N, C-alpha and C. Protein backbone atom coordinates (compact mmCIF):
# COMPACT_ATOMS: atom_id res chain seq x y z
N MET A 1 60.33 9.66 -20.03
CA MET A 1 59.05 10.30 -19.85
C MET A 1 58.12 9.31 -19.19
N PRO A 2 57.41 9.68 -18.12
CA PRO A 2 56.51 8.76 -17.44
C PRO A 2 55.31 8.45 -18.30
N GLN A 3 54.87 7.18 -18.20
CA GLN A 3 53.71 6.76 -18.97
C GLN A 3 52.44 7.30 -18.34
N SER A 4 51.53 7.68 -19.21
CA SER A 4 50.24 8.21 -18.75
C SER A 4 49.29 7.05 -18.47
N ASN A 5 48.62 7.12 -17.39
CA ASN A 5 47.63 6.10 -17.04
C ASN A 5 46.25 6.65 -17.37
N SER A 6 45.61 6.08 -18.38
CA SER A 6 44.31 6.60 -18.82
C SER A 6 43.15 6.05 -17.97
N SER A 7 43.46 5.25 -17.02
CA SER A 7 42.41 4.69 -16.15
C SER A 7 42.29 5.55 -14.91
N SER A 8 41.05 5.69 -14.41
CA SER A 8 40.84 6.45 -13.17
C SER A 8 40.72 5.51 -11.99
N MET A 9 40.98 4.22 -12.20
CA MET A 9 40.88 3.26 -11.11
C MET A 9 41.90 3.61 -10.04
N GLY A 10 41.47 3.64 -8.81
CA GLY A 10 42.35 3.92 -7.71
C GLY A 10 42.52 5.41 -7.47
N SER A 11 41.94 6.19 -8.34
CA SER A 11 42.04 7.64 -8.21
C SER A 11 40.75 8.17 -7.62
N GLY A 12 40.81 9.30 -6.98
CA GLY A 12 39.62 9.95 -6.45
C GLY A 12 39.07 10.96 -7.41
N HIS A 13 39.56 10.96 -8.66
CA HIS A 13 39.11 11.94 -9.65
C HIS A 13 38.59 11.23 -10.90
N SER A 14 37.66 11.87 -11.55
CA SER A 14 37.14 11.39 -12.81
C SER A 14 38.04 11.89 -13.93
N LEU A 15 38.25 11.08 -14.96
CA LEU A 15 39.08 11.51 -16.08
C LEU A 15 38.39 12.59 -16.90
N ARG A 16 37.08 12.60 -16.92
CA ARG A 16 36.36 13.58 -17.73
C ARG A 16 36.19 14.92 -17.02
N SER A 17 35.77 14.90 -15.78
CA SER A 17 35.48 16.16 -15.10
C SER A 17 36.69 16.74 -14.39
N LYS A 18 37.69 15.93 -14.15
CA LYS A 18 38.88 16.31 -13.40
C LYS A 18 38.54 16.74 -11.98
N GLY A 19 37.34 16.35 -11.53
CA GLY A 19 36.92 16.66 -10.17
C GLY A 19 36.82 15.39 -9.36
N PRO A 20 36.54 15.51 -8.05
CA PRO A 20 36.43 14.33 -7.21
C PRO A 20 35.25 13.45 -7.64
N VAL A 21 35.41 12.17 -7.49
CA VAL A 21 34.38 11.21 -7.83
C VAL A 21 33.57 10.90 -6.57
N GLU A 22 32.26 11.06 -6.66
CA GLU A 22 31.38 10.72 -5.54
C GLU A 22 30.95 9.28 -5.72
N ALA A 23 31.28 8.45 -4.77
CA ALA A 23 30.88 7.05 -4.84
C ALA A 23 29.41 6.96 -4.50
N SER A 24 28.64 6.35 -5.37
CA SER A 24 27.21 6.19 -5.08
C SER A 24 26.95 4.76 -4.67
N ASN A 25 26.17 4.62 -3.67
CA ASN A 25 25.82 3.30 -3.16
C ASN A 25 24.35 3.08 -3.42
N SER A 26 24.02 2.15 -4.31
CA SER A 26 22.62 1.92 -4.66
C SER A 26 21.80 1.41 -3.48
N ALA A 27 22.45 0.92 -2.45
CA ALA A 27 21.73 0.43 -1.28
C ALA A 27 21.17 1.58 -0.45
N THR A 28 21.63 2.80 -0.70
CA THR A 28 21.15 3.93 0.07
C THR A 28 20.12 4.76 -0.69
N THR A 29 19.50 4.18 -1.72
CA THR A 29 18.49 4.92 -2.46
C THR A 29 17.31 5.24 -1.55
N CYS A 30 16.74 6.39 -1.76
CA CYS A 30 15.64 6.85 -0.91
C CYS A 30 14.31 6.34 -1.46
N HIS A 31 13.47 5.91 -0.56
CA HIS A 31 12.13 5.50 -0.91
C HIS A 31 11.17 6.41 -0.16
N LYS A 32 10.02 6.66 -0.78
CA LYS A 32 9.01 7.44 -0.08
C LYS A 32 8.52 6.65 1.11
N GLN A 33 8.24 7.37 2.17
CA GLN A 33 7.72 6.73 3.36
C GLN A 33 6.30 6.25 3.07
N ALA A 34 5.99 5.03 3.47
CA ALA A 34 4.66 4.46 3.22
C ALA A 34 3.62 5.18 4.06
N ALA A 35 2.46 5.37 3.47
CA ALA A 35 1.34 5.98 4.20
C ALA A 35 0.83 4.97 5.23
N LYS A 36 0.55 5.46 6.41
CA LYS A 36 -0.05 4.63 7.46
C LYS A 36 -1.47 5.12 7.64
N TRP A 37 -2.40 4.20 7.59
CA TRP A 37 -3.82 4.56 7.60
C TRP A 37 -4.45 4.25 8.95
N THR A 38 -5.23 5.21 9.45
CA THR A 38 -6.02 4.99 10.66
C THR A 38 -7.44 4.62 10.26
N THR A 39 -8.19 4.12 11.20
CA THR A 39 -9.59 3.79 10.93
C THR A 39 -10.36 5.04 10.51
N ASP A 40 -10.09 6.16 11.16
CA ASP A 40 -10.76 7.41 10.79
C ASP A 40 -10.43 7.83 9.36
N GLU A 41 -9.18 7.65 8.95
CA GLU A 41 -8.79 7.99 7.58
C GLU A 41 -9.44 7.04 6.57
N ASP A 42 -9.50 5.75 6.91
CA ASP A 42 -10.19 4.79 6.04
C ASP A 42 -11.65 5.21 5.86
N THR A 43 -12.29 5.56 6.97
CA THR A 43 -13.70 5.96 6.94
C THR A 43 -13.88 7.22 6.09
N ALA A 44 -13.00 8.19 6.25
CA ALA A 44 -13.08 9.43 5.47
C ALA A 44 -12.89 9.15 3.98
N LEU A 45 -11.98 8.25 3.64
CA LEU A 45 -11.76 7.88 2.24
C LEU A 45 -13.02 7.24 1.66
N ILE A 46 -13.58 6.29 2.39
CA ILE A 46 -14.79 5.60 1.91
C ILE A 46 -15.95 6.59 1.75
N GLU A 47 -16.13 7.48 2.73
CA GLU A 47 -17.21 8.47 2.65
C GLU A 47 -17.01 9.40 1.46
N TYR A 48 -15.78 9.84 1.24
CA TYR A 48 -15.50 10.71 0.10
C TYR A 48 -15.84 9.99 -1.21
N LEU A 49 -15.38 8.77 -1.34
CA LEU A 49 -15.63 8.02 -2.58
C LEU A 49 -17.11 7.73 -2.76
N ARG A 50 -17.82 7.48 -1.68
CA ARG A 50 -19.26 7.23 -1.76
C ARG A 50 -19.99 8.45 -2.33
N LEU A 51 -19.52 9.63 -1.96
CA LEU A 51 -20.14 10.87 -2.45
C LEU A 51 -19.72 11.22 -3.88
N HIS A 52 -18.71 10.53 -4.39
CA HIS A 52 -18.20 10.83 -5.73
C HIS A 52 -18.24 9.61 -6.65
N ILE A 53 -19.23 8.77 -6.49
CA ILE A 53 -19.36 7.58 -7.35
C ILE A 53 -19.59 8.06 -8.78
N PRO A 54 -18.85 7.52 -9.73
CA PRO A 54 -18.99 7.97 -11.12
C PRO A 54 -20.36 7.62 -11.68
N GLY A 55 -20.77 8.37 -12.68
CA GLY A 55 -22.08 8.18 -13.31
C GLY A 55 -22.31 6.76 -13.81
N ASP A 56 -21.26 6.12 -14.31
CA ASP A 56 -21.43 4.76 -14.82
C ASP A 56 -21.33 3.72 -13.70
N GLY A 57 -21.00 4.19 -12.48
CA GLY A 57 -20.96 3.29 -11.32
C GLY A 57 -19.80 2.31 -11.31
N THR A 58 -18.82 2.53 -12.17
CA THR A 58 -17.72 1.55 -12.23
C THR A 58 -16.43 2.09 -11.62
N ASN A 59 -15.60 2.71 -12.42
CA ASN A 59 -14.27 3.11 -11.95
C ASN A 59 -14.21 4.60 -11.64
N PHE A 60 -13.48 4.91 -10.57
CA PHE A 60 -13.27 6.31 -10.21
C PHE A 60 -12.25 6.92 -11.16
N LYS A 61 -12.46 8.17 -11.51
CA LYS A 61 -11.54 8.89 -12.38
C LYS A 61 -10.34 9.38 -11.56
N LYS A 62 -9.26 9.70 -12.27
CA LYS A 62 -8.04 10.17 -11.62
C LYS A 62 -8.29 11.41 -10.78
N GLN A 63 -9.14 12.31 -11.26
CA GLN A 63 -9.42 13.54 -10.51
C GLN A 63 -10.13 13.23 -9.20
N THR A 64 -10.90 12.14 -9.15
CA THR A 64 -11.54 11.75 -7.90
C THR A 64 -10.50 11.32 -6.87
N TRP A 65 -9.48 10.59 -7.32
CA TRP A 65 -8.41 10.16 -6.42
C TRP A 65 -7.60 11.35 -5.91
N HIS A 66 -7.36 12.32 -6.79
CA HIS A 66 -6.66 13.54 -6.36
C HIS A 66 -7.51 14.29 -5.34
N GLY A 67 -8.81 14.35 -5.58
CA GLY A 67 -9.72 15.00 -4.65
C GLY A 67 -9.74 14.29 -3.30
N ALA A 68 -9.71 12.97 -3.33
CA ALA A 68 -9.70 12.20 -2.08
C ALA A 68 -8.42 12.49 -1.29
N ALA A 69 -7.29 12.56 -1.98
CA ALA A 69 -6.02 12.85 -1.30
C ALA A 69 -6.06 14.25 -0.68
N ALA A 70 -6.60 15.23 -1.43
CA ALA A 70 -6.70 16.59 -0.91
C ALA A 70 -7.65 16.65 0.29
N HIS A 71 -8.75 15.92 0.21
CA HIS A 71 -9.73 15.86 1.30
C HIS A 71 -9.08 15.30 2.57
N LEU A 72 -8.32 14.23 2.43
CA LEU A 72 -7.65 13.63 3.58
C LEU A 72 -6.59 14.58 4.16
N LYS A 73 -5.87 15.27 3.29
CA LYS A 73 -4.84 16.20 3.76
C LYS A 73 -5.47 17.35 4.55
N GLU A 74 -6.61 17.81 4.08
CA GLU A 74 -7.30 18.90 4.77
C GLU A 74 -7.91 18.43 6.09
N ARG A 75 -8.52 17.26 6.05
CA ARG A 75 -9.21 16.75 7.24
C ARG A 75 -8.25 16.22 8.30
N PHE A 76 -7.10 15.67 7.86
CA PHE A 76 -6.11 15.10 8.78
C PHE A 76 -4.74 15.72 8.50
N PRO A 77 -4.51 16.96 8.96
CA PRO A 77 -3.23 17.61 8.65
C PRO A 77 -2.03 16.92 9.30
N GLU A 78 -2.23 16.20 10.38
CA GLU A 78 -1.15 15.47 11.06
C GLU A 78 -1.26 13.98 10.73
N GLN A 79 -0.91 13.61 9.51
CA GLN A 79 -1.03 12.22 9.07
C GLN A 79 0.17 11.40 9.53
N LEU A 80 -0.08 10.12 9.77
CA LEU A 80 0.99 9.19 10.12
C LEU A 80 1.67 8.71 8.85
N GLY A 81 2.95 8.46 8.92
CA GLY A 81 3.68 7.91 7.78
C GLY A 81 3.75 8.90 6.64
N GLY A 82 3.82 8.35 5.43
CA GLY A 82 3.92 9.18 4.24
C GLY A 82 2.61 9.87 3.92
N GLU A 83 2.69 10.81 3.01
CA GLU A 83 1.52 11.59 2.59
C GLU A 83 0.51 10.69 1.86
N LYS A 84 -0.76 10.97 2.07
CA LYS A 84 -1.82 10.25 1.37
C LYS A 84 -1.96 10.90 -0.02
N THR A 85 -1.44 10.24 -1.03
CA THR A 85 -1.42 10.76 -2.39
C THR A 85 -2.47 10.04 -3.23
N GLN A 86 -2.62 10.48 -4.46
CA GLN A 86 -3.56 9.83 -5.38
C GLN A 86 -3.27 8.33 -5.50
N PRO A 87 -2.01 7.91 -5.74
CA PRO A 87 -1.75 6.47 -5.83
C PRO A 87 -1.98 5.74 -4.50
N SER A 88 -1.63 6.38 -3.38
CA SER A 88 -1.81 5.68 -2.10
C SER A 88 -3.30 5.54 -1.77
N CYS A 89 -4.11 6.51 -2.17
CA CYS A 89 -5.56 6.38 -1.97
C CYS A 89 -6.13 5.24 -2.81
N GLN A 90 -5.69 5.14 -4.06
CA GLN A 90 -6.14 4.04 -4.92
C GLN A 90 -5.73 2.69 -4.34
N THR A 91 -4.49 2.60 -3.89
CA THR A 91 -4.00 1.34 -3.31
C THR A 91 -4.79 0.98 -2.07
N ARG A 92 -5.05 1.97 -1.22
CA ARG A 92 -5.81 1.70 0.01
C ARG A 92 -7.21 1.24 -0.32
N TRP A 93 -7.85 1.85 -1.30
CA TRP A 93 -9.20 1.45 -1.71
C TRP A 93 -9.20 0.00 -2.20
N THR A 94 -8.20 -0.36 -2.97
CA THR A 94 -8.09 -1.74 -3.46
C THR A 94 -7.95 -2.71 -2.30
N LYS A 95 -7.13 -2.37 -1.30
CA LYS A 95 -6.95 -3.24 -0.13
C LYS A 95 -8.24 -3.33 0.70
N LEU A 96 -8.93 -2.21 0.85
CA LEU A 96 -10.19 -2.23 1.61
C LEU A 96 -11.23 -3.11 0.91
N LYS A 97 -11.31 -2.99 -0.41
CA LYS A 97 -12.25 -3.84 -1.16
C LYS A 97 -11.89 -5.31 -1.02
N SER A 98 -10.60 -5.61 -1.08
CA SER A 98 -10.14 -6.99 -0.94
C SER A 98 -10.51 -7.54 0.43
N SER A 99 -10.30 -6.74 1.47
CA SER A 99 -10.67 -7.16 2.83
C SER A 99 -12.18 -7.38 2.94
N TYR A 100 -12.93 -6.49 2.38
CA TYR A 100 -14.40 -6.62 2.41
C TYR A 100 -14.83 -7.93 1.76
N HIS A 101 -14.30 -8.22 0.59
CA HIS A 101 -14.68 -9.45 -0.12
C HIS A 101 -14.23 -10.70 0.64
N ALA A 102 -13.08 -10.63 1.31
CA ALA A 102 -12.62 -11.77 2.11
C ALA A 102 -13.59 -12.04 3.26
N VAL A 103 -14.04 -10.98 3.92
CA VAL A 103 -15.00 -11.15 5.03
C VAL A 103 -16.32 -11.70 4.51
N VAL A 104 -16.79 -11.19 3.38
CA VAL A 104 -18.04 -11.70 2.79
C VAL A 104 -17.91 -13.18 2.47
N ASP A 105 -16.77 -13.58 1.93
CA ASP A 105 -16.53 -15.00 1.62
C ASP A 105 -16.60 -15.85 2.88
N ILE A 106 -15.99 -15.36 3.97
CA ILE A 106 -16.02 -16.11 5.23
C ILE A 106 -17.45 -16.20 5.76
N LYS A 107 -18.17 -15.09 5.72
CA LYS A 107 -19.55 -15.07 6.22
C LYS A 107 -20.44 -16.04 5.43
N ASN A 108 -20.17 -16.16 4.14
CA ASN A 108 -20.99 -17.02 3.28
C ASN A 108 -20.54 -18.47 3.26
N ALA A 109 -19.38 -18.76 3.82
CA ALA A 109 -18.86 -20.13 3.80
C ALA A 109 -19.58 -20.97 4.85
N SER A 110 -19.86 -22.17 4.49
CA SER A 110 -20.49 -23.11 5.41
C SER A 110 -19.50 -23.53 6.49
N GLY A 111 -19.95 -23.54 7.72
CA GLY A 111 -19.11 -24.03 8.81
C GLY A 111 -18.36 -22.95 9.57
N PHE A 112 -18.50 -21.69 9.17
CA PHE A 112 -17.83 -20.61 9.86
C PHE A 112 -18.84 -19.63 10.43
N ALA A 113 -18.48 -19.07 11.54
CA ALA A 113 -19.27 -18.00 12.14
C ALA A 113 -18.44 -16.73 12.07
N TRP A 114 -19.10 -15.59 12.01
CA TRP A 114 -18.38 -14.33 11.93
C TRP A 114 -18.82 -13.42 13.06
N SER A 115 -17.86 -12.74 13.64
CA SER A 115 -18.13 -11.73 14.66
C SER A 115 -17.32 -10.50 14.29
N ASP A 116 -17.95 -9.32 14.32
CA ASP A 116 -17.21 -8.10 14.01
C ASP A 116 -16.16 -7.79 15.07
N ILE A 117 -16.26 -8.42 16.22
CA ILE A 117 -15.28 -8.21 17.29
C ILE A 117 -14.14 -9.23 17.18
N ASP A 118 -14.49 -10.51 16.99
CA ASP A 118 -13.49 -11.58 17.00
C ASP A 118 -13.09 -12.08 15.61
N GLY A 119 -13.69 -11.56 14.57
CA GLY A 119 -13.39 -12.04 13.23
C GLY A 119 -13.96 -13.43 13.01
N ALA A 120 -13.20 -14.27 12.33
CA ALA A 120 -13.68 -15.62 12.01
C ALA A 120 -13.66 -16.53 13.22
N GLY A 121 -12.83 -16.25 14.20
CA GLY A 121 -12.79 -17.04 15.43
C GLY A 121 -12.56 -18.52 15.20
N ILE A 122 -11.62 -18.85 14.33
CA ILE A 122 -11.35 -20.25 14.00
C ILE A 122 -10.63 -20.90 15.18
N THR A 123 -11.15 -22.04 15.59
CA THR A 123 -10.54 -22.81 16.68
C THR A 123 -9.83 -24.02 16.09
N LEU A 124 -9.07 -24.73 16.92
CA LEU A 124 -8.35 -25.92 16.46
C LEU A 124 -9.31 -26.97 15.89
N GLU A 125 -10.51 -26.98 16.39
CA GLU A 125 -11.51 -27.93 15.92
C GLU A 125 -11.77 -27.79 14.41
N TYR A 126 -11.64 -26.56 13.89
CA TYR A 126 -11.92 -26.29 12.47
C TYR A 126 -10.66 -25.97 11.67
N GLU A 127 -9.50 -26.32 12.22
CA GLU A 127 -8.24 -25.96 11.57
C GLU A 127 -8.13 -26.51 10.15
N SER A 128 -8.47 -27.76 9.93
CA SER A 128 -8.34 -28.33 8.58
C SER A 128 -9.34 -27.69 7.61
N THR A 129 -10.53 -27.40 8.08
CA THR A 129 -11.53 -26.73 7.24
C THR A 129 -11.03 -25.34 6.86
N TRP A 130 -10.45 -24.62 7.84
CA TRP A 130 -9.92 -23.29 7.60
C TRP A 130 -8.76 -23.33 6.62
N THR A 131 -7.86 -24.31 6.76
CA THR A 131 -6.72 -24.45 5.86
C THR A 131 -7.20 -24.66 4.43
N ASN A 132 -8.20 -25.51 4.24
CA ASN A 132 -8.75 -25.74 2.90
C ASN A 132 -9.42 -24.48 2.35
N PHE A 133 -10.11 -23.76 3.21
CA PHE A 133 -10.76 -22.52 2.81
C PHE A 133 -9.71 -21.51 2.30
N LEU A 134 -8.59 -21.40 3.01
CA LEU A 134 -7.55 -20.44 2.65
C LEU A 134 -6.89 -20.78 1.31
N LYS A 135 -6.86 -22.04 0.95
CA LYS A 135 -6.28 -22.43 -0.33
C LYS A 135 -7.09 -21.85 -1.48
N VAL A 136 -8.39 -21.72 -1.28
CA VAL A 136 -9.28 -21.22 -2.33
C VAL A 136 -9.48 -19.70 -2.22
N HIS A 137 -9.44 -19.17 -1.02
CA HIS A 137 -9.72 -17.75 -0.79
C HIS A 137 -8.47 -17.03 -0.28
N ASN A 138 -7.59 -16.66 -1.19
CA ASN A 138 -6.37 -15.92 -0.81
C ASN A 138 -6.75 -14.62 -0.12
N GLY A 139 -5.98 -14.24 0.88
CA GLY A 139 -6.22 -12.98 1.57
C GLY A 139 -7.16 -13.06 2.74
N SER A 140 -7.78 -14.21 2.98
CA SER A 140 -8.71 -14.34 4.08
C SER A 140 -8.03 -14.69 5.39
N GLY A 141 -6.77 -15.02 5.36
CA GLY A 141 -6.06 -15.45 6.54
C GLY A 141 -5.91 -14.40 7.62
N LEU A 142 -6.11 -13.15 7.28
CA LEU A 142 -6.01 -12.08 8.28
C LEU A 142 -7.17 -12.10 9.26
N TYR A 143 -8.22 -12.82 8.93
CA TYR A 143 -9.44 -12.75 9.73
C TYR A 143 -9.68 -14.03 10.49
């Protein structure tokens, strides 16, 4: 009598389901497409949030973020990249605030000039000053 092999190794079938085994490759997991923001969409988000500042003036409520996402979807039906969702609106707002604070830090730093067209306009003459500034002010290197 032939011996039974209780292992499914080398077989195309599962021992439990008796059906074909689908090989899953974790490298092919799907990720949501990242939202791509235009200047007009950034402006619309900021304007929406400005009109919906909470009574305590601190943090926006979850319903405000949902409203912002709906507003963007209505105003920009042909959006680039992934959909502008409640989490993506919150993330974008955080990045915009971070950029704003970085620019304010540069404007207030001694030895730097700011132009809305050219940004910080750091030249080789101020390279060491800029390098030291970046050590203290993370995120300012984009400008």
